[in-house]
Amino acid sequence: MNVELKVAGMSCGHCVKAVTGAIQARDPAARVEVSLERGVVRADTRLTAAEVAAAVTEEGYEAMP
C-alpha cells in the first residue's frame, strides 16, 4: 500500500531518520521517502495510513492524511 501524509515539524536529517525509523519499526520492509521541502512522507508499506500516521505522531510530528 502506498501512503502519503503531510507532516509538520520536519526540518533536518534527524527528522528524516526519526520518521523513517518509526515507520520501519512497525514494518521493516517499508520503503520510506521524506521530502523536507514539501513536508511530505511517502511510504510503500503493509501498514494503513492510520498506522503510519500513528508512528509519525509518536515521534513528535503532526501527521495529516
C-alpha atoms as a PDB file:
ATOM      1  CA  MET A   1       0.000   0.000   0.000  1.00  0.00           C
ATOM      2  CA  ASN A   2       1.257   3.458  -0.848  1.00  0.00           C
ATOM      3  CA  VAL A   3       0.647   6.018   1.874  1.00  0.00           C
ATOM      4  CA  GLU A   4       1.314   9.752   1.589  1.00  0.00           C
ATOM      5  CA  LEU A   5       0.990  12.092   4.559  1.00  0.00           C
ATOM      6  CA  LYS A   6       1.629  15.772   5.154  1.00  0.00           C
ATOM      7  CA  VAL A   7       3.899  16.035   8.190  1.00  0.00           C
ATOM      8  CA  ALA A   8       4.530  19.256  10.086  1.00  0.00           C
ATOM      9  CA  GLY A   9       7.668  19.959  12.080  1.00  0.00           C
ATOM     10  CA  MET A  10      10.317  18.200   9.991  1.00  0.00           C
ATOM     11  CA  SER A  11      13.355  20.335   9.272  1.00  0.00           C
ATOM     12  CA  CYS A  12      16.553  18.268   9.096  1.00  0.00           C
ATOM     13  CA  GLY A  13      18.224  14.932   8.528  1.00  0.00           C
ATOM     14  CA  HIS A  14      17.493  13.864  12.092  1.00  0.00           C
ATOM     15  CA  CYS A  15      13.778  14.321  11.393  1.00  0.00           C
ATOM     16  CA  VAL A  16      14.084  12.157   8.280  1.00  0.00           C
ATOM     17  CA  LYS A  17      15.825   9.405  10.273  1.00  0.00           C
ATOM     18  CA  ALA A  18      13.291   9.600  13.108  1.00  0.00           C
ATOM     19  CA  VAL A  19      10.254   9.381  10.840  1.00  0.00           C
ATOM     20  CA  THR A  20      11.774   6.655   8.665  1.00  0.00           C
ATOM     21  CA  GLY A  21      12.811   4.650  11.732  1.00  0.00           C
ATOM     22  CA  ALA A  22       9.375   4.962  13.326  1.00  0.00           C
ATOM     23  CA  ILE A  23       7.658   3.563  10.241  1.00  0.00           C
ATOM     24  CA  GLN A  24      10.228   0.820   9.678  1.00  0.00           C
ATOM     25  CA  ALA A  25       9.983  -0.236  13.334  1.00  0.00           C
ATOM     26  CA  ARG A  26       6.386  -1.263  12.562  1.00  0.00           C
ATOM     27  CA  ASP A  27       7.121  -2.562   9.053  1.00  0.00           C
ATOM     28  CA  PRO A  28      10.813  -3.351   8.499  1.00  0.00           C
ATOM     29  CA  ALA A  29      10.212  -3.864   4.769  1.00  0.00           C
ATOM     30  CA  ALA A  30       8.662  -0.412   4.279  1.00  0.00           C
ATOM     31  CA  ARG A  31      10.237   1.891   1.720  1.00  0.00           C
ATOM     32  CA  VAL A  32      10.048   5.449   3.034  1.00  0.00           C
ATOM     33  CA  GLU A  33      10.698   8.732   1.214  1.00  0.00           C
ATOM     34  CA  VAL A  34      10.691  12.063   3.038  1.00  0.00           C
ATOM     35  CA  SER A  35      10.548  15.484   1.393  1.00  0.00           C
ATOM     36  CA  LEU A  36      11.542  18.157   3.890  1.00  0.00           C
ATOM     37  CA  GLU A  37      10.825  20.893   1.357  1.00  0.00           C
ATOM     38  CA  ARG A  38       7.224  19.763   0.819  1.00  0.00           C
ATOM     39  CA  GLY A  39       6.631  18.365   4.302  1.00  0.00           C
ATOM     40  CA  VAL A  40       5.544  15.027   2.848  1.00  0.00           C
ATOM     41  CA  VAL A  41       6.235  11.437   3.852  1.00  0.00           C
ATOM     42  CA  ARG A  42       5.566   8.648   1.372  1.00  0.00           C
ATOM     43  CA  ALA A  43       5.705   5.013   2.406  1.00  0.00           C
ATOM     44  CA  ASP A  44       5.277   1.818   0.427  1.00  0.00           C
ATOM     45  CA  THR A  45       4.203  -0.376   3.321  1.00  0.00           C
ATOM     46  CA  ARG A  46       1.797  -3.025   4.564  1.00  0.00           C
ATOM     47  CA  LEU A  47       0.620  -0.503   7.187  1.00  0.00           C
ATOM     48  CA  THR A  48      -2.566   1.513   6.836  1.00  0.00           C
ATOM     49  CA  ALA A  49      -2.442   5.304   6.585  1.00  0.00           C
ATOM     50  CA  ALA A  50      -3.687   5.500  10.187  1.00  0.00           C
ATOM     51  CA  GLU A  51      -0.870   3.217  11.383  1.00  0.00           C
ATOM     52  CA  VAL A  52       1.755   5.270   9.534  1.00  0.00           C
ATOM     53  CA  ALA A  53       0.300   8.482  10.974  1.00  0.00           C
ATOM     54  CA  ALA A  54       0.363   6.990  14.480  1.00  0.00           C
ATOM     55  CA  ALA A  55       4.028   6.016  14.112  1.00  0.00           C
ATOM     56  CA  VAL A  56       4.943   9.521  12.924  1.00  0.00           C
ATOM     57  CA  THR A  57       2.882  11.175  15.671  1.00  0.00           C
ATOM     58  CA  GLU A  58       4.601   9.071  18.345  1.00  0.00           C
ATOM     59  CA  GLU A  59       7.891  10.605  17.162  1.00  0.00           C
ATOM     60  CA  GLY A  60       6.519  14.057  17.949  1.00  0.00           C
ATOM     61  CA  TYR A  61       5.441  15.226  14.497  1.00  0.00           C
ATOM     62  CA  GLU A  62       1.977  16.221  13.351  1.00  0.00           C
ATOM     63  CA  ALA A  63       0.805  13.890  10.571  1.00  0.00           C
ATOM     64  CA  MET A  64      -2.204  14.640   8.355  1.00  0.00           C
ATOM     65  CA  PRO A  65      -3.580  12.432   5.567  1.00  0.00           C
END
